Amino acid sequence: MLRKNVTPNVVTYSCLMNALCKKQKWQEASKMLDDMTACKVRPDVVVYTVLVDGLCKNGRALDGIKVLDLMVQKGEEPNNVTYNAIVNGLCKEGRVDDALRILETMAKKGKKPDVVTYNTLVKGLCGVGKIDEAMDLLNLLMSNEFHMKPDVFAFNLVIQGLCKERRLRCAKKRWKAYQGIGIMEGCIRLGIFPKFNDLYCLD
């Protein structure tokens, strides 16, 4: 394109960067940012998010955070998709405390986490055995402050986590607590309900 005096635009660079990330060519993908500057094409939130997401999906969440910091330095404001990519990457690596700090950063910047953010955090907390913290997070979602309905998969993860720890009475209590908000119907449709028959054997 350059040889024909055709300057790539931000969409072109975004597509190229996405392809490089899928092939795990991180250095080349990162270099695209310099190439854009040389061609006087300003990277936008989509370009940065593509790189952040690619890094985080392949176990390089800390590198993703560096790109996030660079993005802010260059005057681009991360959106929820950017932050969710970081949170997901950190949780996959078991760095849930770092993911929770990203949540704090979002709050300071006035960014409201969405259901994807919280589902990811619930999954991350359950993955490292912090079931009580995951339940606290779900309770926060349903509080008057947030008015968010927990996702059926987040609910399922908490119940499964409690069952794995043999905390069946607590699991039964949680199950009953969610019966009135439509979660139970979702569990039945997804075939989750039969897995918890043991809960009803408890007095």
N, C-alpha and C. Protein backbone atom coordinates (compact mmCIF):
# COMPACT_ATOMS: atom_id res chain seq x y z
N MET A 1 0.82 -1.20 0.00
CA MET A 1 0.00 0.00 0.00
C MET A 1 0.86 1.26 0.00
N LEU A 2 1.92 1.24 0.84
CA LEU A 2 2.78 2.41 0.94
C LEU A 2 3.53 2.67 -0.36
N ARG A 3 3.92 1.58 -1.05
CA ARG A 3 4.63 1.73 -2.32
C ARG A 3 3.76 2.39 -3.37
N LYS A 4 2.46 2.22 -3.25
CA LYS A 4 1.53 2.82 -4.20
C LYS A 4 0.98 4.15 -3.69
N ASN A 5 1.67 4.68 -2.65
CA ASN A 5 1.27 5.95 -2.05
C ASN A 5 -0.15 5.92 -1.48
N VAL A 6 -0.56 4.73 -1.05
CA VAL A 6 -1.85 4.59 -0.38
C VAL A 6 -1.58 4.41 1.11
N THR A 7 -2.02 5.37 1.90
CA THR A 7 -1.75 5.34 3.34
C THR A 7 -2.80 4.49 4.06
N PRO A 8 -2.37 3.48 4.80
CA PRO A 8 -3.33 2.67 5.57
C PRO A 8 -4.04 3.55 6.60
N ASN A 9 -5.31 3.27 6.84
CA ASN A 9 -6.02 4.02 7.87
C ASN A 9 -6.09 3.21 9.15
N VAL A 10 -6.78 3.75 10.14
CA VAL A 10 -6.81 3.11 11.45
C VAL A 10 -7.49 1.74 11.40
N VAL A 11 -8.46 1.58 10.50
CA VAL A 11 -9.14 0.29 10.36
C VAL A 11 -8.18 -0.76 9.80
N THR A 12 -7.37 -0.35 8.83
CA THR A 12 -6.39 -1.26 8.24
C THR A 12 -5.41 -1.76 9.29
N TYR A 13 -4.89 -0.81 10.07
CA TYR A 13 -3.93 -1.18 11.12
C TYR A 13 -4.58 -2.08 12.17
N SER A 14 -5.82 -1.80 12.50
CA SER A 14 -6.53 -2.61 13.49
C SER A 14 -6.65 -4.05 13.02
N CYS A 15 -6.99 -4.24 11.75
CA CYS A 15 -7.12 -5.59 11.18
C CYS A 15 -5.78 -6.31 11.15
N LEU A 16 -4.73 -5.58 10.75
CA LEU A 16 -3.40 -6.18 10.70
C LEU A 16 -2.93 -6.58 12.10
N MET A 17 -3.17 -5.71 13.06
CA MET A 17 -2.76 -5.99 14.43
C MET A 17 -3.50 -7.20 14.98
N ASN A 18 -4.77 -7.30 14.67
CA ASN A 18 -5.57 -8.44 15.12
C ASN A 18 -5.02 -9.74 14.55
N ALA A 19 -4.65 -9.72 13.27
CA ALA A 19 -4.09 -10.91 12.62
C ALA A 19 -2.76 -11.31 13.25
N LEU A 20 -1.92 -10.31 13.55
CA LEU A 20 -0.62 -10.58 14.17
C LEU A 20 -0.79 -11.15 15.58
N CYS A 21 -1.76 -10.62 16.31
CA CYS A 21 -2.02 -11.12 17.67
C CYS A 21 -2.46 -12.58 17.64
N LYS A 22 -3.30 -12.92 16.67
CA LYS A 22 -3.78 -14.29 16.56
C LYS A 22 -2.63 -15.26 16.26
N LYS A 23 -1.59 -14.75 15.60
CA LYS A 23 -0.42 -15.57 15.30
C LYS A 23 0.66 -15.45 16.38
N GLN A 24 0.29 -14.73 17.47
CA GLN A 24 1.18 -14.52 18.61
C GLN A 24 2.48 -13.81 18.24
N LYS A 25 2.39 -12.93 17.26
CA LYS A 25 3.54 -12.13 16.87
C LYS A 25 3.44 -10.78 17.58
N TRP A 26 3.74 -10.81 18.90
CA TRP A 26 3.50 -9.66 19.76
C TRP A 26 4.38 -8.47 19.41
N GLN A 27 5.66 -8.73 19.13
CA GLN A 27 6.58 -7.63 18.83
C GLN A 27 6.15 -6.91 17.56
N GLU A 28 5.75 -7.68 16.56
CA GLU A 28 5.30 -7.07 15.31
C GLU A 28 4.01 -6.29 15.52
N ALA A 29 3.12 -6.86 16.33
CA ALA A 29 1.85 -6.18 16.60
C ALA A 29 2.09 -4.87 17.34
N SER A 30 2.99 -4.91 18.32
CA SER A 30 3.30 -3.70 19.08
C SER A 30 3.99 -2.65 18.21
N LYS A 31 4.83 -3.13 17.28
CA LYS A 31 5.54 -2.21 16.39
C LYS A 31 4.57 -1.45 15.49
N MET A 32 3.40 -2.03 15.27
CA MET A 32 2.41 -1.36 14.44
C MET A 32 2.03 0.01 15.00
N LEU A 33 2.11 0.15 16.33
CA LEU A 33 1.81 1.44 16.95
C LEU A 33 2.81 2.49 16.49
N ASP A 34 4.10 2.10 16.42
CA ASP A 34 5.13 3.02 15.94
C ASP A 34 4.93 3.33 14.46
N ASP A 35 4.55 2.30 13.71
CA ASP A 35 4.31 2.50 12.27
C ASP A 35 3.17 3.49 12.04
N MET A 36 2.15 3.39 12.88
CA MET A 36 1.01 4.30 12.75
C MET A 36 1.44 5.75 13.01
N THR A 37 2.28 5.92 14.04
CA THR A 37 2.77 7.26 14.36
C THR A 37 3.60 7.82 13.20
N ALA A 38 4.44 6.94 12.61
CA ALA A 38 5.28 7.37 11.48
C ALA A 38 4.43 7.79 10.29
N CYS A 39 3.29 7.13 10.12
CA CYS A 39 2.39 7.45 9.01
C CYS A 39 1.35 8.51 9.39
N LYS A 40 1.53 9.08 10.59
CA LYS A 40 0.62 10.12 11.09
C LYS A 40 -0.83 9.64 11.18
N VAL A 41 -0.95 8.37 11.58
CA VAL A 41 -2.28 7.79 11.84
C VAL A 41 -2.38 7.59 13.35
N ARG A 42 -3.32 8.25 13.97
CA ARG A 42 -3.46 8.18 15.43
C ARG A 42 -4.18 6.90 15.84
N PRO A 43 -3.53 6.06 16.66
CA PRO A 43 -4.21 4.85 17.15
C PRO A 43 -5.42 5.24 18.00
N ASP A 44 -6.53 4.57 17.78
CA ASP A 44 -7.72 4.88 18.57
C ASP A 44 -7.96 3.78 19.60
N VAL A 45 -9.07 3.88 20.32
CA VAL A 45 -9.37 2.93 21.38
C VAL A 45 -9.50 1.51 20.84
N VAL A 46 -9.99 1.37 19.61
CA VAL A 46 -10.15 0.03 19.01
C VAL A 46 -8.79 -0.62 18.79
N VAL A 47 -7.85 0.14 18.25
CA VAL A 47 -6.50 -0.40 17.98
C VAL A 47 -5.84 -0.86 19.27
N TYR A 48 -5.86 0.01 20.28
CA TYR A 48 -5.25 -0.36 21.55
C TYR A 48 -5.94 -1.58 22.18
N THR A 49 -7.26 -1.61 22.08
CA THR A 49 -8.01 -2.71 22.69
C THR A 49 -7.73 -4.03 21.99
N VAL A 50 -7.55 -4.00 20.67
CA VAL A 50 -7.19 -5.21 19.92
C VAL A 50 -5.89 -5.79 20.45
N LEU A 51 -4.91 -4.91 20.67
CA LEU A 51 -3.61 -5.36 21.16
C LEU A 51 -3.71 -5.85 22.60
N VAL A 52 -4.42 -5.11 23.44
CA VAL A 52 -4.62 -5.51 24.84
C VAL A 52 -5.31 -6.87 24.91
N ASP A 53 -6.37 -7.04 24.14
CA ASP A 53 -7.13 -8.29 24.15
C ASP A 53 -6.28 -9.46 23.67
N GLY A 54 -5.52 -9.24 22.61
CA GLY A 54 -4.66 -10.30 22.09
C GLY A 54 -3.63 -10.75 23.10
N LEU A 55 -3.03 -9.79 23.79
CA LEU A 55 -2.03 -10.12 24.81
C LEU A 55 -2.66 -10.87 25.97
N CYS A 56 -3.80 -10.37 26.44
CA CYS A 56 -4.44 -10.96 27.62
C CYS A 56 -4.97 -12.36 27.36
N LYS A 57 -5.42 -12.62 26.14
CA LYS A 57 -5.94 -13.94 25.82
C LYS A 57 -4.84 -14.99 25.71
N ASN A 58 -3.60 -14.52 25.67
CA ASN A 58 -2.48 -15.46 25.52
C ASN A 58 -1.50 -15.38 26.68
N GLY A 59 -2.06 -15.12 27.88
CA GLY A 59 -1.25 -15.19 29.09
C GLY A 59 -0.26 -14.06 29.28
N ARG A 60 -0.52 -12.91 28.67
CA ARG A 60 0.40 -11.78 28.79
C ARG A 60 -0.35 -10.54 29.31
N ALA A 61 -1.09 -10.75 30.39
CA ALA A 61 -1.92 -9.67 30.94
C ALA A 61 -1.08 -8.48 31.41
N LEU A 62 0.09 -8.74 31.96
CA LEU A 62 0.94 -7.64 32.44
C LEU A 62 1.41 -6.77 31.27
N ASP A 63 1.69 -7.41 30.13
CA ASP A 63 2.03 -6.64 28.93
C ASP A 63 0.80 -5.85 28.46
N GLY A 64 -0.37 -6.46 28.64
CA GLY A 64 -1.61 -5.77 28.28
C GLY A 64 -1.80 -4.51 29.11
N ILE A 65 -1.43 -4.59 30.39
CA ILE A 65 -1.54 -3.42 31.28
C ILE A 65 -0.58 -2.32 30.82
N LYS A 66 0.60 -2.71 30.35
CA LYS A 66 1.56 -1.72 29.84
C LYS A 66 0.98 -0.97 28.64
N VAL A 67 0.29 -1.72 27.77
CA VAL A 67 -0.35 -1.08 26.61
C VAL A 67 -1.48 -0.17 27.09
N LEU A 68 -2.20 -0.60 28.12
CA LEU A 68 -3.26 0.22 28.70
C LEU A 68 -2.70 1.54 29.22
N ASP A 69 -1.57 1.45 29.92
CA ASP A 69 -0.92 2.66 30.45
C ASP A 69 -0.47 3.58 29.31
N LEU A 70 0.09 2.97 28.26
CA LEU A 70 0.53 3.75 27.10
C LEU A 70 -0.66 4.45 26.45
N MET A 71 -1.74 3.73 26.36
CA MET A 71 -2.97 4.25 25.77
C MET A 71 -3.42 5.52 26.49
N VAL A 72 -3.41 5.46 27.82
CA VAL A 72 -3.83 6.61 28.63
C VAL A 72 -2.85 7.77 28.45
N GLN A 73 -1.54 7.45 28.41
CA GLN A 73 -0.52 8.48 28.21
C GLN A 73 -0.71 9.22 26.89
N LYS A 74 -1.19 8.48 25.88
CA LYS A 74 -1.38 9.07 24.56
C LYS A 74 -2.72 9.79 24.43
N GLY A 75 -3.48 9.81 25.52
CA GLY A 75 -4.72 10.57 25.50
C GLY A 75 -5.95 9.81 25.04
N GLU A 76 -5.83 8.48 24.92
CA GLU A 76 -6.99 7.66 24.54
C GLU A 76 -7.63 7.07 25.80
N GLU A 77 -8.92 7.19 25.91
CA GLU A 77 -9.63 6.71 27.09
C GLU A 77 -10.07 5.26 26.90
N PRO A 78 -9.60 4.34 27.75
CA PRO A 78 -10.05 2.95 27.65
C PRO A 78 -11.56 2.85 27.88
N ASN A 79 -12.21 1.92 27.19
CA ASN A 79 -13.63 1.70 27.42
C ASN A 79 -13.83 0.39 28.18
N ASN A 80 -15.07 0.00 28.37
CA ASN A 80 -15.34 -1.23 29.12
C ASN A 80 -14.76 -2.47 28.46
N VAL A 81 -14.73 -2.48 27.13
CA VAL A 81 -14.17 -3.63 26.42
C VAL A 81 -12.69 -3.77 26.74
N THR A 82 -11.99 -2.63 26.79
CA THR A 82 -10.56 -2.64 27.12
C THR A 82 -10.34 -3.17 28.53
N TYR A 83 -11.09 -2.61 29.47
CA TYR A 83 -10.93 -3.03 30.87
C TYR A 83 -11.34 -4.49 31.07
N ASN A 84 -12.40 -4.91 30.40
CA ASN A 84 -12.85 -6.30 30.54
C ASN A 84 -11.79 -7.27 30.03
N ALA A 85 -11.09 -6.88 28.96
CA ALA A 85 -10.01 -7.73 28.43
C ALA A 85 -8.91 -7.89 29.47
N ILE A 86 -8.56 -6.79 30.15
CA ILE A 86 -7.53 -6.84 31.19
C ILE A 86 -7.99 -7.70 32.36
N VAL A 87 -9.22 -7.47 32.82
CA VAL A 87 -9.76 -8.22 33.95
C VAL A 87 -9.79 -9.71 33.63
N ASN A 88 -10.24 -10.05 32.43
CA ASN A 88 -10.31 -11.45 32.01
C ASN A 88 -8.92 -12.09 31.98
N GLY A 89 -7.96 -11.36 31.41
CA GLY A 89 -6.60 -11.88 31.33
C GLY A 89 -5.98 -12.12 32.69
N LEU A 90 -6.17 -11.16 33.60
CA LEU A 90 -5.62 -11.30 34.95
C LEU A 90 -6.28 -12.47 35.69
N CYS A 91 -7.59 -12.60 35.55
CA CYS A 91 -8.29 -13.70 36.23
C CYS A 91 -7.85 -15.05 35.70
N LYS A 92 -7.64 -15.15 34.40
CA LYS A 92 -7.17 -16.41 33.81
C LYS A 92 -5.81 -16.81 34.35
N GLU A 93 -5.00 -15.81 34.71
CA GLU A 93 -3.67 -16.08 35.25
C GLU A 93 -3.69 -16.22 36.76
N GLY A 94 -4.89 -16.17 37.36
CA GLY A 94 -5.01 -16.31 38.80
C GLY A 94 -4.66 -15.05 39.57
N ARG A 95 -4.52 -13.93 38.88
CA ARG A 95 -4.16 -12.66 39.51
C ARG A 95 -5.43 -11.87 39.82
N VAL A 96 -6.29 -12.47 40.64
CA VAL A 96 -7.60 -11.88 40.89
C VAL A 96 -7.49 -10.58 41.67
N ASP A 97 -6.54 -10.50 42.60
CA ASP A 97 -6.37 -9.26 43.36
C ASP A 97 -6.01 -8.10 42.43
N ASP A 98 -5.18 -8.38 41.43
CA ASP A 98 -4.84 -7.35 40.45
C ASP A 98 -6.06 -6.97 39.63
N ALA A 99 -6.90 -7.97 39.32
CA ALA A 99 -8.12 -7.71 38.56
C ALA A 99 -9.07 -6.81 39.36
N LEU A 100 -9.14 -7.04 40.67
CA LEU A 100 -9.98 -6.21 41.53
C LEU A 100 -9.46 -4.78 41.59
N ARG A 101 -8.14 -4.63 41.49
CA ARG A 101 -7.57 -3.27 41.46
C ARG A 101 -7.94 -2.55 40.17
N ILE A 102 -8.05 -3.31 39.08
CA ILE A 102 -8.52 -2.71 37.83
C ILE A 102 -9.95 -2.20 38.00
N LEU A 103 -10.74 -2.94 38.77
CA LEU A 103 -12.11 -2.52 39.06
C LEU A 103 -12.11 -1.18 39.80
N GLU A 104 -11.17 -1.02 40.73
CA GLU A 104 -11.04 0.23 41.47
C GLU A 104 -10.64 1.37 40.53
N THR A 105 -9.75 1.06 39.59
CA THR A 105 -9.33 2.06 38.61
C THR A 105 -10.52 2.52 37.77
N MET A 106 -11.35 1.57 37.37
CA MET A 106 -12.54 1.92 36.59
C MET A 106 -13.44 2.87 37.38
N ALA A 107 -13.62 2.57 38.66
CA ALA A 107 -14.48 3.41 39.51
C ALA A 107 -13.93 4.83 39.62
N LYS A 108 -12.61 4.94 39.78
CA LYS A 108 -11.98 6.25 39.90
C LYS A 108 -12.13 7.07 38.62
N LYS A 109 -12.18 6.38 37.49
CA LYS A 109 -12.31 7.06 36.20
C LYS A 109 -13.77 7.25 35.78
N GLY A 110 -14.68 6.85 36.67
CA GLY A 110 -16.09 7.02 36.37
C GLY A 110 -16.64 6.00 35.39
N LYS A 111 -15.91 4.89 35.20
CA LYS A 111 -16.37 3.83 34.31
C LYS A 111 -17.19 2.82 35.11
N LYS A 112 -18.40 2.56 34.68
CA LYS A 112 -19.26 1.63 35.40
C LYS A 112 -19.07 0.22 34.86
N PRO A 113 -18.55 -0.69 35.69
CA PRO A 113 -18.39 -2.08 35.25
C PRO A 113 -19.73 -2.67 34.82
N ASP A 114 -19.71 -3.52 33.82
CA ASP A 114 -20.95 -4.14 33.35
C ASP A 114 -21.02 -5.59 33.84
N VAL A 115 -22.05 -6.29 33.40
CA VAL A 115 -22.26 -7.66 33.87
C VAL A 115 -21.11 -8.57 33.42
N VAL A 116 -20.48 -8.26 32.29
CA VAL A 116 -19.34 -9.05 31.82
C VAL A 116 -18.17 -8.92 32.80
N THR A 117 -17.93 -7.69 33.26
CA THR A 117 -16.86 -7.46 34.23
C THR A 117 -17.07 -8.29 35.48
N TYR A 118 -18.28 -8.22 36.01
CA TYR A 118 -18.56 -8.91 37.27
C TYR A 118 -18.59 -10.43 37.10
N ASN A 119 -19.14 -10.90 35.99
CA ASN A 119 -19.13 -12.35 35.75
C ASN A 119 -17.70 -12.88 35.70
N THR A 120 -16.83 -12.11 35.04
CA THR A 120 -15.43 -12.51 34.93
C THR A 120 -14.77 -12.56 36.30
N LEU A 121 -15.07 -11.56 37.13
CA LEU A 121 -14.49 -11.52 38.47
C LEU A 121 -15.02 -12.66 39.35
N VAL A 122 -16.31 -12.95 39.23
CA VAL A 122 -16.89 -14.07 39.99
C VAL A 122 -16.20 -15.37 39.59
N LYS A 123 -16.03 -15.56 38.29
CA LYS A 123 -15.36 -16.76 37.80
C LYS A 123 -13.92 -16.82 38.31
N GLY A 124 -13.24 -15.67 38.28
CA GLY A 124 -11.87 -15.63 38.76
C GLY A 124 -11.76 -15.94 40.24
N LEU A 125 -12.66 -15.36 41.03
CA LEU A 125 -12.65 -15.61 42.48
C LEU A 125 -12.92 -17.09 42.78
N CYS A 126 -13.89 -17.66 42.09
CA CYS A 126 -14.19 -19.08 42.29
C CYS A 126 -13.01 -19.95 41.87
N GLY A 127 -12.32 -19.52 40.82
CA GLY A 127 -11.20 -20.30 40.31
C GLY A 127 -10.03 -20.40 41.28
N VAL A 128 -9.90 -19.40 42.17
CA VAL A 128 -8.81 -19.44 43.15
C VAL A 128 -9.34 -19.79 44.54
N GLY A 129 -10.57 -20.31 44.58
CA GLY A 129 -11.13 -20.79 45.84
C GLY A 129 -11.68 -19.73 46.77
N LYS A 130 -11.88 -18.51 46.25
CA LYS A 130 -12.43 -17.43 47.08
C LYS A 130 -13.95 -17.35 46.88
N ILE A 131 -14.63 -18.40 47.33
CA ILE A 131 -16.07 -18.51 47.11
C ILE A 131 -16.84 -17.45 47.89
N ASP A 132 -16.42 -17.20 49.13
CA ASP A 132 -17.12 -16.21 49.95
C ASP A 132 -17.04 -14.82 49.32
N GLU A 133 -15.86 -14.49 48.78
CA GLU A 133 -15.70 -13.19 48.11
C GLU A 133 -16.59 -13.12 46.86
N ALA A 134 -16.71 -14.26 46.16
CA ALA A 134 -17.57 -14.30 44.98
C ALA A 134 -19.03 -14.07 45.36
N MET A 135 -19.46 -14.68 46.48
CA MET A 135 -20.83 -14.48 46.95
C MET A 135 -21.06 -13.03 47.36
N ASP A 136 -20.05 -12.43 48.01
CA ASP A 136 -20.16 -11.02 48.40
C ASP A 136 -20.33 -10.14 47.17
N LEU A 137 -19.60 -10.48 46.11
CA LEU A 137 -19.69 -9.70 44.88
C LEU A 137 -21.08 -9.82 44.25
N LEU A 138 -21.63 -11.03 44.26
CA LEU A 138 -22.98 -11.22 43.73
C LEU A 138 -24.01 -10.45 44.56
N ASN A 139 -23.83 -10.45 45.87
CA ASN A 139 -24.73 -9.71 46.74
C ASN A 139 -24.65 -8.21 46.46
N LEU A 140 -23.43 -7.74 46.19
CA LEU A 140 -23.24 -6.33 45.85
C LEU A 140 -23.97 -5.98 44.56
N LEU A 141 -23.91 -6.90 43.60
CA LEU A 141 -24.59 -6.67 42.32
C LEU A 141 -26.08 -6.44 42.51
N MET A 142 -26.67 -7.19 43.44
CA MET A 142 -28.12 -7.13 43.64
C MET A 142 -28.53 -6.06 44.65
N SER A 143 -27.56 -5.34 45.19
CA SER A 143 -27.87 -4.32 46.18
C SER A 143 -28.54 -3.12 45.51
N ASN A 144 -29.07 -2.24 46.33
CA ASN A 144 -29.73 -1.03 45.81
C ASN A 144 -28.76 -0.13 45.06
N GLU A 145 -27.46 -0.31 45.34
CA GLU A 145 -26.45 0.52 44.69
C GLU A 145 -26.28 0.18 43.22
N PHE A 146 -26.43 -1.11 42.88
CA PHE A 146 -26.15 -1.55 41.51
C PHE A 146 -27.38 -2.01 40.74
N HIS A 147 -28.29 -2.70 41.41
CA HIS A 147 -29.50 -3.22 40.75
C HIS A 147 -29.17 -4.08 39.54
N MET A 148 -28.15 -4.92 39.63
CA MET A 148 -27.81 -5.82 38.54
C MET A 148 -28.29 -7.23 38.86
N LYS A 149 -28.80 -7.92 37.86
CA LYS A 149 -29.23 -9.30 38.05
C LYS A 149 -28.06 -10.23 37.75
N PRO A 150 -27.68 -11.08 38.69
CA PRO A 150 -26.56 -11.99 38.45
C PRO A 150 -26.80 -12.87 37.23
N ASP A 151 -25.76 -13.13 36.50
CA ASP A 151 -25.84 -14.01 35.35
C ASP A 151 -25.95 -15.46 35.84
N VAL A 152 -26.70 -16.27 35.10
CA VAL A 152 -26.91 -17.66 35.51
C VAL A 152 -25.59 -18.42 35.62
N PHE A 153 -24.62 -18.08 34.78
CA PHE A 153 -23.34 -18.78 34.82
C PHE A 153 -22.55 -18.40 36.07
N ALA A 154 -22.64 -17.12 36.47
CA ALA A 154 -21.97 -16.68 37.69
C ALA A 154 -22.57 -17.40 38.89
N PHE A 155 -23.89 -17.48 38.90
CA PHE A 155 -24.59 -18.19 39.98
C PHE A 155 -24.16 -19.66 40.02
N ASN A 156 -24.10 -20.27 38.86
CA ASN A 156 -23.70 -21.67 38.76
C ASN A 156 -22.30 -21.90 39.31
N LEU A 157 -21.38 -20.98 39.00
CA LEU A 157 -20.00 -21.10 39.47
C LEU A 157 -19.92 -21.07 40.99
N VAL A 158 -20.71 -20.18 41.60
CA VAL A 158 -20.71 -20.09 43.06
C VAL A 158 -21.26 -21.37 43.68
N ILE A 159 -22.37 -21.86 43.15
CA ILE A 159 -22.97 -23.09 43.68
C ILE A 159 -22.00 -24.27 43.52
N GLN A 160 -21.39 -24.37 42.35
CA GLN A 160 -20.43 -25.46 42.12
C GLN A 160 -19.24 -25.35 43.07
N GLY A 161 -18.78 -24.11 43.29
CA GLY A 161 -17.66 -23.91 44.20
C GLY A 161 -17.99 -24.34 45.61
N LEU A 162 -19.19 -24.00 46.06
CA LEU A 162 -19.63 -24.42 47.39
C LEU A 162 -19.73 -25.94 47.49
N CYS A 163 -20.26 -26.56 46.44
CA CYS A 163 -20.40 -28.02 46.44
C CYS A 163 -19.04 -28.71 46.46
N LYS A 164 -18.08 -28.16 45.72
CA LYS A 164 -16.73 -28.74 45.70
C LYS A 164 -16.09 -28.69 47.08
N GLU A 165 -16.43 -27.64 47.84
CA GLU A 165 -15.89 -27.51 49.19
C GLU A 165 -16.74 -28.24 50.22
N ARG A 166 -17.75 -28.98 49.72
CA ARG A 166 -18.68 -29.74 50.56
C ARG A 166 -19.46 -28.84 51.51
N ARG A 167 -19.70 -27.62 51.10
CA ARG A 167 -20.50 -26.69 51.89
C ARG A 167 -21.94 -26.73 51.35
N LEU A 168 -22.53 -27.92 51.46
CA LEU A 168 -23.82 -28.15 50.81
C LEU A 168 -24.96 -27.36 51.44
N ARG A 169 -24.91 -27.17 52.74
CA ARG A 169 -25.97 -26.40 53.38
C ARG A 169 -25.94 -24.94 52.91
N CYS A 170 -24.75 -24.42 52.78
CA CYS A 170 -24.61 -23.05 52.28
C CYS A 170 -25.06 -22.97 50.83
N ALA A 171 -24.72 -24.01 50.04
CA ALA A 171 -25.13 -24.05 48.64
C ALA A 171 -26.66 -24.08 48.53
N LYS A 172 -27.29 -24.87 49.41
CA LYS A 172 -28.75 -24.95 49.40
C LYS A 172 -29.37 -23.60 49.76
N LYS A 173 -28.77 -22.92 50.73
CA LYS A 173 -29.26 -21.61 51.14
C LYS A 173 -29.15 -20.61 50.00
N ARG A 174 -28.02 -20.64 49.30
CA ARG A 174 -27.82 -19.74 48.16
C ARG A 174 -28.83 -20.05 47.06
N TRP A 175 -29.03 -21.34 46.83
CA TRP A 175 -29.98 -21.78 45.79
C TRP A 175 -31.37 -21.22 46.06
N LYS A 176 -31.82 -21.36 47.30
CA LYS A 176 -33.15 -20.87 47.65
C LYS A 176 -33.24 -19.36 47.56
N ALA A 177 -32.14 -18.67 47.90
CA ALA A 177 -32.14 -17.21 47.88
C ALA A 177 -32.36 -16.66 46.48
N TYR A 178 -31.94 -17.43 45.46
CA TYR A 178 -32.06 -16.96 44.09
C TYR A 178 -33.32 -17.45 43.38
N GLN A 179 -34.11 -18.26 44.06
CA GLN A 179 -35.30 -18.82 43.41
C GLN A 179 -36.27 -17.74 42.95
N GLY A 180 -36.35 -16.66 43.70
CA GLY A 180 -37.34 -15.64 43.39
C GLY A 180 -36.94 -14.63 42.35
N ILE A 181 -35.73 -14.74 41.78
CA ILE A 181 -35.30 -13.72 40.81
C ILE A 181 -35.05 -14.29 39.42
N GLY A 182 -35.61 -15.48 39.15
CA GLY A 182 -35.55 -16.02 37.80
C GLY A 182 -34.31 -16.82 37.46
N ILE A 183 -33.36 -16.91 38.39
CA ILE A 183 -32.13 -17.66 38.12
C ILE A 183 -32.41 -19.15 38.02
N MET A 184 -33.29 -19.65 38.86
CA MET A 184 -33.56 -21.08 38.90
C MET A 184 -34.07 -21.59 37.55
N GLU A 185 -34.95 -20.79 36.92
CA GLU A 185 -35.47 -21.20 35.62
C GLU A 185 -34.35 -21.33 34.60
N GLY A 186 -33.40 -20.40 34.65
CA GLY A 186 -32.27 -20.46 33.73
C GLY A 186 -31.42 -21.69 33.96
N CYS A 187 -31.25 -22.05 35.23
CA CYS A 187 -30.47 -23.25 35.55
C CYS A 187 -31.14 -24.50 35.02
N ILE A 188 -32.46 -24.55 35.13
CA ILE A 188 -33.20 -25.72 34.66
C ILE A 188 -33.07 -25.84 33.14
N ARG A 189 -33.20 -24.70 32.44
CA ARG A 189 -33.11 -24.72 30.97
C ARG A 189 -31.73 -25.19 30.52
N LEU A 190 -30.70 -24.82 31.27
CA LEU A 190 -29.34 -25.17 30.89
C LEU A 190 -28.91 -26.54 31.41
N GLY A 191 -29.81 -27.22 32.10
CA GLY A 191 -29.48 -28.55 32.59
C GLY A 191 -28.62 -28.54 33.83
N ILE A 192 -28.57 -27.40 34.54
CA ILE A 192 -27.75 -27.30 35.74
C ILE A 192 -28.47 -27.93 36.93
N PHE A 193 -29.78 -27.80 36.95
CA PHE A 193 -30.59 -28.23 38.09
C PHE A 193 -30.30 -29.66 38.55
N PRO A 194 -30.22 -30.66 37.65
CA PRO A 194 -30.01 -32.04 38.11
C PRO A 194 -28.71 -32.23 38.88
N LYS A 195 -27.72 -31.37 38.67
CA LYS A 195 -26.44 -31.54 39.34
C LYS A 195 -26.54 -31.27 40.84
N PHE A 196 -27.62 -30.59 41.26
CA PHE A 196 -27.71 -30.16 42.63
C PHE A 196 -28.78 -30.91 43.42
N ASN A 197 -29.11 -32.13 42.97
CA ASN A 197 -30.11 -32.92 43.68
C ASN A 197 -29.70 -33.17 45.13
N ASP A 198 -28.39 -33.27 45.36
CA ASP A 198 -27.90 -33.53 46.71
C ASP A 198 -28.33 -32.43 47.68
N LEU A 199 -28.53 -31.22 47.16
CA LEU A 199 -28.90 -30.12 48.03
C LEU A 199 -30.24 -30.38 48.71
N TYR A 200 -31.12 -31.08 48.01
CA TYR A 200 -32.46 -31.30 48.53
C TYR A 200 -32.54 -32.54 49.42
N CYS A 201 -31.42 -33.20 49.60
CA CYS A 201 -31.36 -34.32 50.53
C CYS A 201 -31.03 -33.84 51.93
N LEU A 202 -30.71 -32.54 52.04
CA LEU A 202 -30.36 -31.98 53.34
C LEU A 202 -31.62 -31.52 54.06
N ASP A 203 -31.62 -31.64 55.35
CA ASP A 203 -32.75 -31.16 56.14
C ASP A 203 -32.66 -29.66 56.31
